[in-house]
Protein backbone atom coordinates (compact mmCIF):
# COMPACT_ATOMS: atom_id res chain seq x y z
CA UNK A 1 131.56 114.80 99.25
CA UNK A 2 130.33 112.74 96.32
CA UNK A 3 126.69 111.84 96.02
CA UNK A 4 125.85 108.54 94.41
CA UNK A 5 123.22 108.63 91.71
CA UNK A 6 120.05 106.69 92.50
CA UNK A 7 117.40 105.66 89.97
CA UNK A 8 113.82 104.54 90.49
CA UNK A 9 112.87 102.06 87.78
CA UNK A 10 109.22 101.20 87.08
CA UNK A 11 108.65 98.25 84.77
CA UNK A 12 105.99 95.75 83.76
CA UNK A 13 106.56 92.01 84.24
CA UNK A 14 104.04 89.13 84.21
CA UNK A 15 101.02 91.41 84.68
CA UNK A 16 102.57 93.29 87.59
CA UNK A 17 104.19 96.69 87.86
CA UNK A 18 107.47 96.61 89.79
CA UNK A 19 109.23 99.60 91.32
CA UNK A 20 112.91 99.07 92.15
CA UNK A 21 115.86 101.30 92.98
CA UNK A 22 119.30 100.92 91.38
CA UNK A 23 122.59 102.76 91.09
CA UNK A 24 123.13 102.08 87.37
CA UNK A 25 120.79 102.17 84.37
CA UNK A 26 122.29 101.95 80.89
CA UNK A 27 121.54 100.72 77.40
CA UNK A 28 122.28 97.00 77.35
CA UNK A 29 124.72 95.34 74.97
CA UNK A 30 121.73 93.13 74.10
CA UNK A 31 119.76 94.92 71.40
CA UNK A 32 116.39 96.24 72.64
CA UNK A 33 117.11 95.87 76.36
CA UNK A 34 117.78 98.26 79.24
CA UNK A 35 120.44 97.19 81.73
CA UNK A 36 119.71 97.78 85.43
CA UNK A 37 122.40 96.94 87.99
CA UNK A 38 123.46 97.61 91.57
CA UNK A 39 119.95 97.14 92.96
CA UNK A 40 119.34 98.95 96.26
CA UNK A 41 117.49 97.32 99.16
CA UNK A 42 117.29 98.27 102.83
CA UNK A 43 119.13 95.85 105.05
CA UNK A 44 116.95 95.35 108.13
CA UNK A 45 118.04 92.99 110.86
CA UNK A 46 115.47 91.17 112.92
CA UNK A 47 111.82 92.11 112.45
CA UNK A 48 110.62 92.41 108.85
CA UNK A 49 109.08 95.85 108.45
CA UNK A 50 108.23 95.82 104.75
CA UNK A 51 107.09 92.47 103.29
CA UNK A 52 107.20 93.86 99.73
CA UNK A 53 110.86 94.75 100.09
CA UNK A 54 111.56 91.31 101.59
CA UNK A 55 109.82 89.62 98.64
CA UNK A 56 111.73 91.69 96.07
CA UNK A 57 115.02 91.13 97.89
CA UNK A 58 114.38 87.36 97.77
CA UNK A 59 113.33 87.46 94.10
CA UNK A 60 116.40 89.44 92.99
CA UNK A 61 118.88 88.11 95.59
CA UNK A 62 121.28 86.58 93.08
CA UNK A 63 120.75 89.14 90.30
CA UNK A 64 123.83 91.07 89.23
CA UNK A 65 122.26 92.75 86.20
CA UNK A 66 118.64 92.94 85.04
CA UNK A 67 118.17 93.11 81.27
CA UNK A 68 114.67 94.51 80.83
CA UNK A 69 113.01 94.67 77.40
CA UNK A 70 112.77 98.35 76.45
CA UNK A 71 109.01 98.11 75.91
CA UNK A 72 108.48 96.86 79.50
CA UNK A 73 110.22 99.87 81.09
CA UNK A 74 107.53 102.39 82.01
CA UNK A 75 109.67 105.01 83.71
CA UNK A 76 113.21 105.73 84.92
CA UNK A 77 113.61 108.55 87.43
CA UNK A 78 116.76 109.97 88.99
CA UNK A 79 115.84 110.52 92.66
CA UNK A 80 117.46 112.00 95.74
CA UNK A 81 116.57 109.20 98.14
CA UNK A 82 115.07 105.74 98.19
CA UNK A 83 111.35 105.38 98.79
CA UNK A 84 109.14 102.38 99.44
CA UNK A 85 109.32 99.55 96.92
CA UNK A 86 106.11 98.21 95.46
CA UNK A 87 104.57 95.51 93.32
CA UNK A 88 101.19 96.44 91.84
CA UNK A 89 98.66 94.63 89.71
CA UNK A 90 98.88 96.15 86.21
CA UNK A 91 95.10 96.06 85.69
CA UNK A 92 93.84 97.49 88.97
CA UNK A 93 96.90 99.29 90.34
CA UNK A 94 96.38 97.65 93.74
CA UNK A 95 99.38 96.46 95.72
CA UNK A 96 100.05 92.76 95.36
CA UNK A 97 101.67 92.33 98.78
CA UNK A 98 99.64 93.67 101.70
CA UNK A 99 101.57 95.45 104.49
CA UNK A 100 100.23 93.27 107.31
CA UNK A 101 98.27 90.01 107.29
CA UNK A 102 94.63 90.47 108.22
CA UNK A 103 93.39 88.29 111.09
CA UNK A 104 90.77 85.67 110.28
CA UNK A 105 87.21 86.36 111.32
CA UNK A 106 86.23 84.58 114.55
CA UNK A 107 83.58 81.92 114.13
């Protein structure tokens, strides 16, 4: 049985910290960039369980390879299994996408 390598990539982009999972991370042929490819997303049918994952899947839907500037890559980890994806504000560390919409206050 062969196990496929899985990487968790944490990088900074436009004032937000992104956490994605990918199967390949290599030095890019573009000088000063890190190449991230084979992005991993859960494929859920029907009800959307994780709005952050849905947002990231939409944002990177047509991406074959990400070329990230080396200085924007905060961390690359080889992991055993995929965890929850996240987008955080770089200044506060708070999640940008909330798990569930909050109901409006009744008037």
